[in-house]
N, C-alpha and C. Protein backbone atom coordinates (compact mmCIF):
# COMPACT_ATOMS: atom_id res chain seq x y z
N MET A 1 107.94 155.10 54.37
CA MET A 1 108.49 155.80 53.23
C MET A 1 109.47 154.89 52.51
N SER A 2 109.57 155.10 51.23
CA SER A 2 110.46 154.30 50.42
C SER A 2 111.88 154.83 50.54
N ASP A 3 112.82 153.95 50.96
CA ASP A 3 114.22 154.35 51.08
C ASP A 3 114.93 154.29 49.73
N THR A 4 114.53 153.36 48.88
CA THR A 4 115.14 153.25 47.56
C THR A 4 114.11 153.60 46.50
N PRO A 5 114.55 154.31 45.46
CA PRO A 5 113.60 154.71 44.42
C PRO A 5 112.98 153.48 43.74
N LEU A 6 111.71 153.59 43.43
CA LEU A 6 111.03 152.53 42.71
C LEU A 6 111.26 152.72 41.21
N SER A 7 111.41 151.64 40.50
CA SER A 7 111.57 151.71 39.05
C SER A 7 110.22 151.96 38.39
N LYS A 8 110.27 152.35 37.14
CA LYS A 8 109.06 152.55 36.34
C LYS A 8 108.21 151.28 36.36
N GLU A 9 108.85 150.13 36.22
CA GLU A 9 108.14 148.85 36.20
C GLU A 9 107.51 148.54 37.56
N GLN A 10 108.20 148.86 38.64
CA GLN A 10 107.63 148.63 39.98
C GLN A 10 106.42 149.53 40.23
N VAL A 11 106.52 150.78 39.82
CA VAL A 11 105.40 151.71 40.00
C VAL A 11 104.21 151.23 39.18
N GLU A 12 104.46 150.83 37.93
CA GLU A 12 103.36 150.37 37.08
C GLU A 12 102.70 149.13 37.67
N ALA A 13 103.49 148.20 38.21
CA ALA A 13 102.92 147.00 38.83
C ALA A 13 102.02 147.38 40.01
N LEU A 14 102.45 148.33 40.84
CA LEU A 14 101.63 148.79 41.96
C LEU A 14 100.36 149.48 41.47
N LEU A 15 100.51 150.37 40.51
CA LEU A 15 99.38 151.14 39.97
C LEU A 15 98.33 150.21 39.37
N LEU A 16 98.77 149.22 38.63
CA LEU A 16 97.83 148.36 37.91
C LEU A 16 97.24 147.24 38.76
N ARG A 17 97.53 147.25 40.06
CA ARG A 17 96.84 146.33 40.96
C ARG A 17 95.37 146.71 41.08
N GLY A 18 95.06 147.98 40.80
CA GLY A 18 93.68 148.45 40.88
C GLY A 18 92.93 148.19 39.58
N PRO A 19 91.82 147.44 39.64
CA PRO A 19 91.05 147.15 38.43
C PRO A 19 90.59 148.41 37.68
N PHE A 20 90.25 149.47 38.41
CA PHE A 20 89.84 150.72 37.75
C PHE A 20 90.99 151.31 36.95
N HIS A 21 92.19 151.27 37.50
CA HIS A 21 93.37 151.76 36.78
C HIS A 21 93.61 150.92 35.53
N GLN A 22 93.38 149.62 35.62
CA GLN A 22 93.50 148.76 34.44
C GLN A 22 92.48 149.17 33.40
N TRP A 23 91.23 149.39 33.82
CA TRP A 23 90.17 149.77 32.90
C TRP A 23 90.49 151.09 32.20
N LEU A 24 91.14 152.01 32.92
CA LEU A 24 91.51 153.29 32.32
C LEU A 24 92.61 153.13 31.26
N GLY A 25 93.23 151.98 31.20
CA GLY A 25 94.28 151.74 30.21
C GLY A 25 95.57 152.48 30.53
N LEU A 26 95.91 152.54 31.81
CA LEU A 26 97.08 153.31 32.24
C LEU A 26 98.38 152.55 32.00
N SER A 27 99.40 153.29 31.65
CA SER A 27 100.77 152.78 31.64
C SER A 27 101.67 153.89 32.13
N VAL A 28 102.79 153.50 32.75
CA VAL A 28 103.75 154.47 33.28
C VAL A 28 104.78 154.75 32.20
N VAL A 29 104.90 156.01 31.83
CA VAL A 29 105.89 156.44 30.83
C VAL A 29 107.22 156.69 31.52
N SER A 30 107.18 157.43 32.64
CA SER A 30 108.41 157.72 33.39
C SER A 30 108.07 158.06 34.83
N VAL A 31 109.06 157.83 35.70
CA VAL A 31 108.96 158.15 37.12
C VAL A 31 110.27 158.80 37.53
N GLY A 32 110.18 159.93 38.23
CA GLY A 32 111.37 160.58 38.75
C GLY A 32 111.13 160.98 40.19
N GLU A 33 112.07 161.68 40.77
CA GLU A 33 111.93 162.14 42.15
C GLU A 33 110.80 163.18 42.20
N GLY A 34 109.65 162.76 42.71
CA GLY A 34 108.51 163.66 42.83
C GLY A 34 107.78 163.94 41.54
N GLU A 35 108.02 163.15 40.50
CA GLU A 35 107.35 163.36 39.20
C GLU A 35 106.94 162.03 38.59
N ILE A 36 105.87 162.08 37.80
CA ILE A 36 105.43 160.90 37.07
C ILE A 36 104.78 161.34 35.77
N GLU A 37 104.90 160.51 34.75
CA GLU A 37 104.15 160.69 33.52
C GLU A 37 103.47 159.38 33.19
N LEU A 38 102.16 159.47 32.97
CA LEU A 38 101.34 158.31 32.64
C LEU A 38 100.73 158.50 31.26
N LYS A 39 100.35 157.40 30.66
CA LYS A 39 99.56 157.43 29.43
C LYS A 39 98.24 156.73 29.73
N ALA A 40 97.14 157.35 29.31
CA ALA A 40 95.82 156.74 29.43
C ALA A 40 95.35 156.42 28.01
N THR A 41 95.14 155.14 27.74
CA THR A 41 94.75 154.69 26.40
C THR A 41 93.27 154.92 26.19
N TRP A 42 92.94 155.55 25.08
CA TRP A 42 91.56 155.91 24.73
C TRP A 42 90.60 154.73 24.87
N ARG A 43 89.42 155.04 25.42
CA ARG A 43 88.31 154.08 25.51
C ARG A 43 87.05 154.80 25.06
N PRO A 44 86.26 154.20 24.17
CA PRO A 44 85.01 154.84 23.74
C PRO A 44 84.02 155.06 24.90
N GLU A 45 84.15 154.27 25.97
CA GLU A 45 83.26 154.43 27.13
C GLU A 45 83.48 155.74 27.87
N TRP A 46 84.56 156.45 27.58
CA TRP A 46 84.81 157.74 28.21
C TRP A 46 83.88 158.83 27.69
N VAL A 47 83.30 158.62 26.50
CA VAL A 47 82.49 159.65 25.84
C VAL A 47 81.19 159.87 26.60
N VAL A 48 80.86 161.15 26.84
CA VAL A 48 79.62 161.51 27.51
C VAL A 48 78.60 162.05 26.52
N ASN A 49 79.06 162.68 25.45
CA ASN A 49 78.17 163.28 24.45
C ASN A 49 78.43 162.60 23.11
N ALA A 50 77.51 161.70 22.73
CA ALA A 50 77.70 160.90 21.51
C ALA A 50 77.75 161.77 20.25
N GLU A 51 76.98 162.86 20.22
CA GLU A 51 76.96 163.73 19.04
C GLU A 51 78.29 164.47 18.86
N ARG A 52 78.81 165.00 19.93
CA ARG A 52 80.05 165.78 19.87
C ARG A 52 81.29 164.93 20.10
N GLY A 53 81.14 163.82 20.84
CA GLY A 53 82.23 162.88 21.03
C GLY A 53 83.28 163.27 22.05
N TYR A 54 82.94 164.14 23.00
CA TYR A 54 83.96 164.52 23.98
C TYR A 54 83.87 163.68 25.25
N VAL A 55 84.99 163.67 25.97
CA VAL A 55 85.18 162.85 27.17
C VAL A 55 84.48 163.48 28.37
N HIS A 56 83.90 162.64 29.21
CA HIS A 56 83.26 163.10 30.45
C HIS A 56 84.31 163.74 31.36
N GLY A 57 83.94 164.85 31.99
CA GLY A 57 84.84 165.55 32.90
C GLY A 57 85.28 164.71 34.08
N GLY A 58 84.47 163.73 34.46
CA GLY A 58 84.85 162.85 35.56
C GLY A 58 86.07 162.01 35.24
N ILE A 59 86.23 161.64 33.98
CA ILE A 59 87.42 160.90 33.57
C ILE A 59 88.64 161.79 33.71
N LEU A 60 88.53 163.05 33.27
CA LEU A 60 89.65 163.98 33.38
C LEU A 60 89.98 164.26 34.84
N ALA A 61 88.96 164.43 35.68
CA ALA A 61 89.20 164.66 37.11
C ALA A 61 89.87 163.45 37.75
N THR A 62 89.43 162.26 37.36
CA THR A 62 90.05 161.03 37.84
C THR A 62 91.52 161.00 37.48
N LEU A 63 91.84 161.35 36.24
CA LEU A 63 93.24 161.33 35.79
C LEU A 63 94.08 162.37 36.52
N VAL A 64 93.50 163.55 36.78
CA VAL A 64 94.22 164.56 37.56
C VAL A 64 94.51 164.01 38.95
N ASP A 65 93.50 163.45 39.60
CA ASP A 65 93.65 162.94 40.97
C ASP A 65 94.69 161.83 41.03
N LEU A 66 94.54 160.83 40.20
CA LEU A 66 95.47 159.69 40.33
C LEU A 66 96.88 160.04 39.89
N THR A 67 97.03 160.96 38.93
CA THR A 67 98.38 161.34 38.50
C THR A 67 99.09 162.14 39.58
N ALA A 68 98.39 163.09 40.19
CA ALA A 68 98.99 163.85 41.30
C ALA A 68 99.31 162.91 42.46
N ASP A 69 98.38 162.02 42.78
CA ASP A 69 98.57 161.04 43.85
C ASP A 69 99.83 160.21 43.58
N TRP A 70 99.95 159.67 42.39
CA TRP A 70 101.06 158.77 42.09
C TRP A 70 102.38 159.51 41.86
N ALA A 71 102.35 160.82 41.73
CA ALA A 71 103.60 161.59 41.73
C ALA A 71 104.28 161.46 43.09
N LEU A 72 103.48 161.22 44.12
CA LEU A 72 104.01 161.07 45.48
C LEU A 72 104.65 159.72 45.73
N VAL A 73 104.47 158.76 44.81
CA VAL A 73 104.97 157.40 45.02
C VAL A 73 106.49 157.36 45.16
N SER A 74 107.20 158.31 44.57
CA SER A 74 108.66 158.31 44.70
C SER A 74 109.09 158.56 46.15
N ARG A 75 108.21 159.14 46.95
CA ARG A 75 108.52 159.38 48.36
C ARG A 75 107.81 158.40 49.29
N THR A 76 106.63 157.91 48.88
CA THR A 76 105.83 157.06 49.77
C THR A 76 105.95 155.57 49.46
N GLY A 77 106.25 155.24 48.21
CA GLY A 77 106.27 153.84 47.80
C GLY A 77 104.89 153.24 47.64
N ARG A 78 103.84 154.07 47.70
CA ARG A 78 102.47 153.59 47.59
C ARG A 78 101.55 154.74 47.21
N GLY A 79 100.38 154.39 46.70
CA GLY A 79 99.35 155.40 46.49
C GLY A 79 98.85 155.88 47.83
N VAL A 80 98.31 157.08 47.90
CA VAL A 80 97.87 157.66 49.17
C VAL A 80 96.46 158.24 49.03
N PRO A 81 95.72 158.33 50.14
CA PRO A 81 94.35 158.84 50.09
C PRO A 81 94.28 160.34 49.78
N THR A 82 93.28 160.71 49.00
CA THR A 82 93.03 162.11 48.66
C THR A 82 92.26 162.78 49.80
N VAL A 83 92.72 163.96 50.20
CA VAL A 83 92.05 164.75 51.22
C VAL A 83 91.20 165.83 50.55
N ASP A 84 91.74 166.46 49.52
CA ASP A 84 91.05 167.55 48.83
C ASP A 84 91.56 167.60 47.40
N LEU A 85 90.70 168.01 46.46
CA LEU A 85 91.08 168.04 45.05
C LEU A 85 90.41 169.22 44.36
N ARG A 86 91.19 169.89 43.54
CA ARG A 86 90.69 171.00 42.72
C ARG A 86 91.03 170.69 41.28
N VAL A 87 90.05 170.78 40.37
CA VAL A 87 90.27 170.51 38.96
C VAL A 87 89.77 171.68 38.13
N ASP A 88 90.57 172.09 37.16
CA ASP A 88 90.18 173.11 36.18
C ASP A 88 90.15 172.45 34.81
N TYR A 89 89.10 172.75 34.04
CA TYR A 89 88.95 172.22 32.69
C TYR A 89 89.29 173.33 31.70
N HIS A 90 90.16 173.02 30.74
CA HIS A 90 90.65 174.04 29.81
C HIS A 90 90.10 173.89 28.39
N ARG A 91 89.83 172.67 27.97
CA ARG A 91 89.22 172.42 26.67
C ARG A 91 88.67 171.01 26.66
N ALA A 92 87.76 170.76 25.72
CA ALA A 92 87.15 169.44 25.63
C ALA A 92 88.19 168.41 25.19
N ALA A 93 88.13 167.25 25.81
CA ALA A 93 88.99 166.13 25.42
C ALA A 93 88.24 165.32 24.38
N MET A 94 88.85 165.17 23.22
CA MET A 94 88.23 164.41 22.14
C MET A 94 88.91 163.03 22.08
N GLN A 95 88.52 162.22 21.10
CA GLN A 95 89.06 160.87 20.99
C GLN A 95 90.58 160.89 20.88
N GLY A 96 91.23 159.99 21.62
CA GLY A 96 92.67 159.84 21.56
C GLY A 96 93.27 159.59 22.93
N ASP A 97 94.45 159.01 22.93
CA ASP A 97 95.17 158.74 24.18
C ASP A 97 95.51 160.06 24.87
N LEU A 98 95.66 160.00 26.18
CA LEU A 98 95.96 161.19 26.97
C LEU A 98 97.29 161.03 27.71
N THR A 99 98.02 162.12 27.81
CA THR A 99 99.25 162.17 28.58
C THR A 99 98.94 162.85 29.91
N CYS A 100 99.40 162.24 31.00
CA CYS A 100 99.11 162.73 32.33
C CYS A 100 100.43 162.97 33.04
N ARG A 101 100.70 164.22 33.42
CA ARG A 101 101.96 164.57 34.09
C ARG A 101 101.67 165.09 35.48
N GLY A 102 102.37 164.52 36.46
CA GLY A 102 102.17 164.94 37.85
C GLY A 102 103.49 165.28 38.51
N LYS A 103 103.41 166.20 39.49
CA LYS A 103 104.61 166.53 40.26
C LYS A 103 104.22 166.94 41.67
N VAL A 104 105.12 166.65 42.59
CA VAL A 104 104.93 167.01 43.99
C VAL A 104 105.23 168.49 44.16
N VAL A 105 104.34 169.20 44.82
CA VAL A 105 104.54 170.61 45.13
C VAL A 105 105.18 170.74 46.51
N LYS A 106 104.66 169.97 47.48
CA LYS A 106 105.15 170.01 48.86
C LYS A 106 104.96 168.65 49.48
N PHE A 107 106.05 168.07 49.96
CA PHE A 107 105.95 166.78 50.65
C PHE A 107 106.05 167.01 52.14
N GLY A 108 105.06 166.50 52.88
CA GLY A 108 105.06 166.64 54.33
C GLY A 108 104.92 165.29 55.00
N GLY A 109 105.19 165.24 56.28
CA GLY A 109 105.11 164.00 57.02
C GLY A 109 103.70 163.47 57.18
N GLN A 110 102.71 164.35 57.19
CA GLN A 110 101.31 163.95 57.34
C GLN A 110 100.49 164.24 56.09
N ILE A 111 100.67 165.44 55.53
CA ILE A 111 99.88 165.92 54.40
C ILE A 111 100.85 166.42 53.33
N SER A 112 100.54 166.11 52.06
CA SER A 112 101.36 166.57 50.94
C SER A 112 100.48 167.15 49.86
N VAL A 113 101.08 167.95 48.98
CA VAL A 113 100.37 168.58 47.87
C VAL A 113 101.07 168.20 46.57
N ALA A 114 100.26 167.84 45.58
CA ALA A 114 100.79 167.51 44.26
C ALA A 114 99.82 168.05 43.21
N GLU A 115 100.34 168.25 41.99
CA GLU A 115 99.50 168.76 40.91
C GLU A 115 99.69 167.92 39.67
N ALA A 116 98.74 168.07 38.74
CA ALA A 116 98.78 167.28 37.52
C ALA A 116 98.21 168.07 36.35
N GLN A 117 98.67 167.68 35.17
CA GLN A 117 98.15 168.22 33.92
C GLN A 117 97.79 167.05 33.01
N ILE A 118 96.67 167.19 32.30
CA ILE A 118 96.22 166.19 31.35
C ILE A 118 96.27 166.85 29.97
N LEU A 119 96.99 166.19 29.05
CA LEU A 119 97.20 166.74 27.71
C LEU A 119 96.72 165.77 26.64
N ASP A 120 96.30 166.32 25.51
CA ASP A 120 95.91 165.46 24.40
C ASP A 120 97.13 165.09 23.56
N GLY A 121 96.90 164.37 22.48
CA GLY A 121 97.99 163.90 21.63
C GLY A 121 98.77 165.01 20.96
N GLU A 122 98.20 166.21 20.89
CA GLU A 122 98.87 167.37 20.30
C GLU A 122 99.60 168.19 21.36
N GLY A 123 99.52 167.75 22.61
CA GLY A 123 100.17 168.46 23.71
C GLY A 123 99.36 169.62 24.26
N ARG A 124 98.08 169.70 23.88
CA ARG A 124 97.21 170.79 24.38
C ARG A 124 96.69 170.43 25.77
N LEU A 125 96.69 171.43 26.65
CA LEU A 125 96.23 171.25 28.02
C LEU A 125 94.71 171.10 28.04
N LEU A 126 94.24 169.98 28.58
CA LEU A 126 92.80 169.70 28.67
C LEU A 126 92.27 169.98 30.06
N ALA A 127 93.02 169.57 31.06
CA ALA A 127 92.61 169.75 32.45
C ALA A 127 93.86 169.81 33.32
N SER A 128 93.74 170.51 34.44
CA SER A 128 94.83 170.57 35.41
C SER A 128 94.21 170.63 36.79
N GLY A 129 95.03 170.35 37.78
CA GLY A 129 94.50 170.41 39.13
C GLY A 129 95.56 170.19 40.17
N ARG A 130 95.12 170.32 41.40
CA ARG A 130 96.02 170.18 42.55
C ARG A 130 95.26 169.43 43.62
N GLY A 131 95.97 168.51 44.28
CA GLY A 131 95.36 167.73 45.32
C GLY A 131 96.16 167.77 46.60
N VAL A 132 95.47 167.52 47.69
CA VAL A 132 96.09 167.36 49.01
C VAL A 132 95.91 165.88 49.35
N TYR A 133 97.01 165.26 49.82
CA TYR A 133 97.02 163.82 50.05
C TYR A 133 97.57 163.50 51.43
N MET A 134 97.02 162.44 52.05
CA MET A 134 97.45 161.99 53.37
C MET A 134 98.68 161.09 53.17
N THR A 135 99.85 161.61 53.54
CA THR A 135 101.09 160.86 53.33
C THR A 135 101.70 160.35 54.62
N ALA A 136 100.93 160.37 55.69
CA ALA A 136 101.42 159.82 56.95
C ALA A 136 101.79 158.37 56.73
N PRO A 137 102.82 157.89 57.41
CA PRO A 137 103.24 156.48 57.23
C PRO A 137 102.08 155.52 57.47
N ALA A 138 102.03 154.47 56.64
CA ALA A 138 100.99 153.46 56.80
C ALA A 138 101.19 152.73 58.13
N LYS A 139 100.11 152.40 58.78
CA LYS A 139 100.16 151.71 60.07
C LYS A 139 100.39 150.23 59.87
């Protein structure tokens, strides 16, 4: 577990070690005790329906998962494996950057719960979800 809080820059450096996170165009807006806000920069490759132009649900589910996961970084100092994930879709995501907000619901020694919301540029809720994560200390 992390004894000292990680800075926004430290969290972003850890997050962007993953090539997939880089491809998603992620940046860390803010990090607090058990909370995180990320920005995902729009990519045309996210579109699943060329005629309507909306984003594939898998991208939204990915953002829910990784945002909830990284909300735990203030306690773990690292990303953690997902045990279970639930995602609800509220409206279609159209072209534009996305805001991703995550917060810890329950931190435990072995298993923790966190949730996330994905919003469009107008602040409308696109997707939300809750995940269970393995937060046992790394061996």
